[in-house]
C-alpha atoms as a PDB file:
ATOM      1  CA  MET A   1      89.743  99.990  22.238  1.00  0.00           C
ATOM      2  CA  VAL A   2      87.656 102.855  23.605  1.00  0.00           C
ATOM      3  CA  THR A   3      84.060 103.232  22.439  1.00  0.00           C
ATOM      4  CA  GLU A   4      82.339 106.497  21.594  1.00  0.00           C
ATOM      5  CA  ALA A   5      80.135 106.195  24.681  1.00  0.00           C
ATOM      6  CA  GLU A   6      83.204 105.749  26.889  1.00  0.00           C
ATOM      7  CA  VAL A   7      84.845 108.776  25.292  1.00  0.00           C
ATOM      8  CA  ALA A   8      81.703 110.827  25.950  1.00  0.00           C
ATOM      9  CA  ASN A   9      81.786 109.782  29.618  1.00  0.00           C
ATOM     10  CA  LEU A  10      85.510 110.535  29.854  1.00  0.00           C
ATOM     11  CA  PHE A  11      84.908 113.913  28.232  1.00  0.00           C
ATOM     12  CA  GLN A  12      82.298 114.832  30.834  1.00  0.00           C
ATOM     13  CA  ALA A  13      84.549 113.688  33.655  1.00  0.00           C
ATOM     14  CA  HIS A  14      87.895 115.096  32.492  1.00  0.00           C
ATOM     15  CA  ALA A  15      87.456 117.839  29.873  1.00  0.00           C
ATOM     16  CA  ALA A  16      87.675 120.671  32.413  1.00  0.00           C
ATOM     17  CA  ALA A  17      90.935 119.351  33.895  1.00  0.00           C
ATOM     18  CA  VAL A  18      92.444 118.782  30.448  1.00  0.00           C
ATOM     19  CA  HIS A  19      91.378 122.288  29.379  1.00  0.00           C
ATOM     20  CA  ALA A  20      92.945 123.783  32.529  1.00  0.00           C
ATOM     21  CA  ALA A  21      96.240 121.983  31.891  1.00  0.00           C
ATOM     22  CA  VAL A  22      96.351 123.274  28.316  1.00  0.00           C
ATOM     23  CA  TYR A  23      95.344 126.792  29.349  1.00  0.00           C
ATOM     24  CA  ARG A  24      98.420 126.912  31.603  1.00  0.00           C
ATOM     25  CA  VAL A  25     100.530 126.541  28.480  1.00  0.00           C
ATOM     26  CA  THR A  26      98.632 128.714  26.027  1.00  0.00           C
ATOM     27  CA  LEU A  27      96.897 131.355  28.150  1.00  0.00           C
ATOM     28  CA  ASP A  28      94.360 131.276  25.326  1.00  0.00           C
ATOM     29  CA  ALA A  29      90.897 129.800  25.920  1.00  0.00           C
ATOM     30  CA  ALA A  30      90.257 129.020  22.241  1.00  0.00           C
ATOM     31  CA  ALA A  31      93.600 127.257  21.798  1.00  0.00           C
ATOM     32  CA  ALA A  32      92.937 125.274  24.979  1.00  0.00           C
ATOM     33  CA  GLU A  33      89.548 124.206  23.639  1.00  0.00           C
ATOM     34  CA  ASP A  34      91.091 123.112  20.333  1.00  0.00           C
ATOM     35  CA  ALA A  35      93.826 121.078  22.017  1.00  0.00           C
ATOM     36  CA  THR A  36      91.336 119.511  24.436  1.00  0.00           C
ATOM     37  CA  GLN A  37      89.133 118.489  21.548  1.00  0.00           C
ATOM     38  CA  GLU A  38      92.133 117.126  19.666  1.00  0.00           C
ATOM     39  CA  ALA A  39      93.082 114.923  22.632  1.00  0.00           C
ATOM     40  CA  PHE A  40      89.625 113.353  22.783  1.00  0.00           C
ATOM     41  CA  VAL A  41      89.534 112.815  19.020  1.00  0.00           C
ATOM     42  CA  ARG A  42      92.907 111.107  19.268  1.00  0.00           C
ATOM     43  CA  LEU A  43      91.526 108.919  22.049  1.00  0.00           C
ATOM     44  CA  LEU A  44      88.929 107.688  19.582  1.00  0.00           C
ATOM     45  CA  THR A  45      91.205 107.359  16.566  1.00  0.00           C
ATOM     46  CA  ARG A  46      94.524 106.279  18.151  1.00  0.00           C
ATOM     47  CA  PRO A  47      93.971 105.231  21.769  1.00  0.00           C
ATOM     48  CA  PRO A  48      96.952 104.567  24.043  1.00  0.00           C
ATOM     49  CA  ARG A  49      98.285 101.044  24.438  1.00  0.00           C
ATOM     50  CA  ASP A  50      98.005 101.326  28.211  1.00  0.00           C
ATOM     51  CA  GLU A  51      94.622 102.687  29.247  1.00  0.00           C
ATOM     52  CA  SER A  52      95.340 102.500  32.980  1.00  0.00           C
ATOM     53  CA  ASN A  53      95.682 106.290  33.406  1.00  0.00           C
ATOM     54  CA  LEU A  54      93.620 107.917  30.671  1.00  0.00           C
ATOM     55  CA  PRO A  55      93.241 111.327  32.412  1.00  0.00           C
ATOM     56  CA  ALA A  56      97.025 111.798  32.516  1.00  0.00           C
ATOM     57  CA  TRP A  57      97.350 110.573  28.922  1.00  0.00           C
ATOM     58  CA  LEU A  58      94.661 113.028  27.778  1.00  0.00           C
ATOM     59  CA  LYS A  59      96.392 115.950  29.508  1.00  0.00           C
ATOM     60  CA  ARG A  60      99.730 115.059  28.004  1.00  0.00           C
ATOM     61  CA  VAL A  61      98.323 114.661  24.478  1.00  0.00           C
ATOM     62  CA  ALA A  62      96.433 117.964  24.750  1.00  0.00           C
ATOM     63  CA  VAL A  63      99.414 119.888  26.159  1.00  0.00           C
ATOM     64  CA  ASN A  64     101.685 118.482  23.440  1.00  0.00           C
ATOM     65  CA  ALA A  65      99.130 119.419  20.772  1.00  0.00           C
ATOM     66  CA  ALA A  66      98.955 122.965  22.122  1.00  0.00           C
ATOM     67  CA  ILE A  67     102.729 123.333  22.236  1.00  0.00           C
ATOM     68  CA  ASP A  68     103.028 121.979  18.689  1.00  0.00           C
ATOM     69  CA  ALA A  69     100.369 124.438  17.497  1.00  0.00           C
ATOM     70  CA  LEU A  70     102.185 127.335  19.154  1.00  0.00           C
ATOM     71  CA  ARG A  71     105.466 126.288  17.589  1.00  0.00           C
ATOM     72  CA  ARG A  72     103.857 126.005  14.142  1.00  0.00           C
ATOM     73  CA  THR A  73     102.347 129.454  14.316  1.00  0.00           C
ATOM     74  CA  ASN A  74     105.377 130.891  16.129  1.00  0.00           C
ATOM     75  CA  ARG A  75     102.907 133.253  17.692  1.00  0.00           C
ATOM     76  CA  SER A  76     103.976 136.324  19.613  1.00  0.00           C
ATOM     77  CA  VAL A  77     101.668 138.691  21.429  1.00  0.00           C
ATOM     78  CA  ALA A  78     102.500 142.358  21.862  1.00  0.00           C
ATOM     79  CA  LEU A  79     102.843 143.641  25.417  1.00  0.00           C
ATOM     80  CA  GLY A  80      99.455 144.972  26.434  1.00  0.00           C
ATOM     81  CA  ASP A  81      97.455 142.604  24.224  1.00  0.00           C
ATOM     82  CA  HIS A  82      95.536 140.020  26.156  1.00  0.00           C
ATOM     83  CA  ASP A  83      92.614 137.714  25.672  1.00  0.00           C
ATOM     84  CA  ALA A  84      89.407 139.188  27.107  1.00  0.00           C
ATOM     85  CA  GLU A  85      88.372 135.749  28.392  1.00  0.00           C
ATOM     86  CA  ALA A  86      91.625 135.091  30.220  1.00  0.00           C
ATOM     87  CA  PRO A  87      90.834 136.620  33.663  1.00  0.00           C
ATOM     88  CA  GLU A  88      87.748 134.421  34.101  1.00  0.00           C
ATOM     89  CA  GLN A  89      89.619 131.385  32.782  1.00  0.00           C
ATOM     90  CA  ALA A  90      92.600 132.050  35.053  1.00  0.00           C
ATOM     91  CA  ALA A  91      90.295 131.740  38.045  1.00  0.00           C
ATOM     92  CA  VAL A  92      89.268 128.292  36.810  1.00  0.00           C
ATOM     93  CA  THR A  93      92.835 127.049  36.404  1.00  0.00           C
ATOM     94  CA  ALA A  94      94.292 128.324  39.694  1.00  0.00           C
ATOM     95  CA  ASP A  95      93.277 130.016  42.906  1.00  0.00           C
ATOM     96  CA  VAL A  96      95.266 133.178  42.203  1.00  0.00           C
ATOM     97  CA  PRO A  97      94.261 135.078  39.045  1.00  0.00           C
ATOM     98  CA  LEU A  98      96.993 136.681  36.980  1.00  0.00           C
ATOM     99  CA  SER A  99      97.232 140.429  36.610  1.00  0.00           C
ATOM    100  CA  ALA A 100      96.852 141.654  33.051  1.00  0.00           C
ATOM    101  CA  GLU A 101     100.452 142.876  33.119  1.00  0.00           C
ATOM    102  CA  LEU A 102     101.824 139.510  34.215  1.00  0.00           C
ATOM    103  CA  GLU A 103      99.605 137.658  31.767  1.00  0.00           C
ATOM    104  CA  SER A 104     100.845 139.836  28.908  1.00  0.00           C
ATOM    105  CA  ALA A 105     104.456 139.162  29.874  1.00  0.00           C
ATOM    106  CA  LEU A 106     103.791 135.431  30.133  1.00  0.00           C
ATOM    107  CA  LYS A 107     102.237 135.398  26.663  1.00  0.00           C
ATOM    108  CA  ARG A 108     105.476 136.788  25.269  1.00  0.00           C
ATOM    109  CA  LEU A 109     107.486 133.821  26.578  1.00  0.00           C
ATOM    110  CA  LYS A 110     108.141 130.778  24.429  1.00  0.00           C
ATOM    111  CA  ALA A 111     105.454 128.154  24.975  1.00  0.00           C
ATOM    112  CA  ASP A 112     107.848 125.671  26.618  1.00  0.00           C
ATOM    113  CA  HIS A 113     109.188 128.312  28.989  1.00  0.00           C
ATOM    114  CA  ARG A 114     105.722 129.616  29.878  1.00  0.00           C
ATOM    115  CA  ALA A 115     104.425 126.113  30.578  1.00  0.00           C
ATOM    116  CA  ALA A 116     107.339 125.355  32.901  1.00  0.00           C
ATOM    117  CA  VAL A 117     107.022 128.644  34.797  1.00  0.00           C
ATOM    118  CA  LEU A 118     103.268 128.326  35.264  1.00  0.00           C
ATOM    119  CA  ALA A 119     103.345 124.661  36.259  1.00  0.00           C
ATOM    120  CA  VAL A 120     106.120 125.049  38.837  1.00  0.00           C
ATOM    121  CA  ASP A 121     105.864 128.632  40.076  1.00  0.00           C
ATOM    122  CA  ARG A 122     102.155 129.301  39.833  1.00  0.00           C
ATOM    123  CA  ASP A 123     100.610 125.877  40.299  1.00  0.00           C
ATOM    124  CA  GLY A 124     103.228 124.604  42.756  1.00  0.00           C
ATOM    125  CA  MET A 125     103.902 121.359  40.912  1.00  0.00           C
ATOM    126  CA  SER A 126     107.051 119.429  41.691  1.00  0.00           C
ATOM    127  CA  TYR A 127     109.646 119.333  38.945  1.00  0.00           C
ATOM    128  CA  GLN A 128     108.865 115.661  38.349  1.00  0.00           C
ATOM    129  CA  ASP A 129     105.111 116.241  38.090  1.00  0.00           C
ATOM    130  CA  ALA A 130     105.551 119.230  35.783  1.00  0.00           C
ATOM    131  CA  ALA A 131     107.942 117.288  33.551  1.00  0.00           C
ATOM    132  CA  ALA A 132     105.450 114.410  33.356  1.00  0.00           C
ATOM    133  CA  LEU A 133     102.553 116.754  32.536  1.00  0.00           C
ATOM    134  CA  LEU A 134     104.521 118.506  29.807  1.00  0.00           C
ATOM    135  CA  GLY A 135     105.996 115.274  28.484  1.00  0.00           C
ATOM    136  CA  VAL A 136     109.618 116.372  28.784  1.00  0.00           C
ATOM    137  CA  ARG A 137     112.689 115.109  30.588  1.00  0.00           C
ATOM    138  CA  LEU A 138     113.486 116.615  33.970  1.00  0.00           C
ATOM    139  CA  ASN A 139     116.594 118.420  32.664  1.00  0.00           C
ATOM    140  CA  LYS A 140     114.605 120.061  29.855  1.00  0.00           C
ATOM    141  CA  LEU A 141     111.989 121.234  32.352  1.00  0.00           C
ATOM    142  CA  LYS A 142     114.705 122.767  34.543  1.00  0.00           C
ATOM    143  CA  THR A 143     116.271 124.495  31.547  1.00  0.00           C
ATOM    144  CA  ASP A 144     112.906 125.816  30.342  1.00  0.00           C
ATOM    145  CA  LEU A 145     112.096 127.003  33.861  1.00  0.00           C
ATOM    146  CA  LEU A 146     115.384 128.867  34.204  1.00  0.00           C
ATOM    147  CA  ARG A 147     115.083 130.492  30.778  1.00  0.00           C
ATOM    148  CA  GLY A 148     111.425 131.338  31.358  1.00  0.00           C
ATOM    149  CA  ARG A 149     112.150 132.964  34.712  1.00  0.00           C
ATOM    150  CA  ARG A 150     115.002 135.002  33.242  1.00  0.00           C
ATOM    151  CA  ALA A 151     112.890 136.150  30.302  1.00  0.00           C
ATOM    152  CA  LEU A 152     109.971 137.003  32.582  1.00  0.00           C
ATOM    153  CA  HIS A 153     112.299 138.952  34.855  1.00  0.00           C
ATOM    154  CA  GLY A 154     113.491 140.995  31.880  1.00  0.00           C
ATOM    155  CA  LEU A 155     109.967 141.608  30.597  1.00  0.00           C
ATOM    156  CA  LEU A 156     108.709 142.798  33.976  1.00  0.00           C
ATOM    157  CA  ARG A 157     111.667 145.051  34.784  1.00  0.00           C
ATOM    158  CA  GLY A 158     110.427 148.598  35.335  1.00  0.00           C
ATOM    159  CA  THR A 159     106.714 147.721  35.168  1.00  0.00           C
ATOM    160  CA  GLU A 160     103.989 148.742  37.592  1.00  0.00           C
ATOM    161  CA  LEU A 161     103.821 145.143  38.793  1.00  0.00           C
ATOM    162  CA  ALA A 162     107.497 145.257  39.760  1.00  0.00           C
ATOM    163  CA  ALA A 163     106.970 148.578  41.536  1.00  0.00           C
ATOM    164  CA  ARG A 164     104.034 147.169  43.527  1.00  0.00           C
ATOM    165  CA  SER A 165     106.061 144.173  44.633  1.00  0.00           C
ATOM    166  CA  GLY A 166     108.370 146.534  46.488  1.00  0.00           C
ATOM    167  CA  ARG A 167     111.580 145.180  45.047  1.00  0.00           C
ATOM    168  CA  GLU A 168     113.473 145.684  41.842  1.00  0.00           C
ATOM    169  CA  VAL A 169     112.640 142.986  39.315  1.00  0.00           C
END
């Protein structure tokens, strides 16, 4: 059983990493904060049986909570809409910030597809590591990655970003 003091210490040590993992899925700072908070509340109310790797457990719980929330709301963002906080947050979650055009296209992907694309293509995670982070089987990750890449390709076709890359998207 985890005490409140231990949870507070874990929060200080791991909240930023959990938030970054969730932000990869949602591209929404507020949703990432909610899911991060939900993971730590769950740690207090329903801790894992095996507490040997709490940081990984927290990330997985938070990412799953964010994906569930996105599925419940079935949220879609119009091309061109983007969160004003996202560019600063993107710098926290990866070395290469996303362009507004790419971020808008990513927000239009299904949450599962977006998470797979960002984890593998942007963050350079192995398929196994990405599947573990997202709490899915390897085959589902590969399917989500393929579908996400195809959808992203279609969304970016003919955009300024595609023109700047020097090749037809």
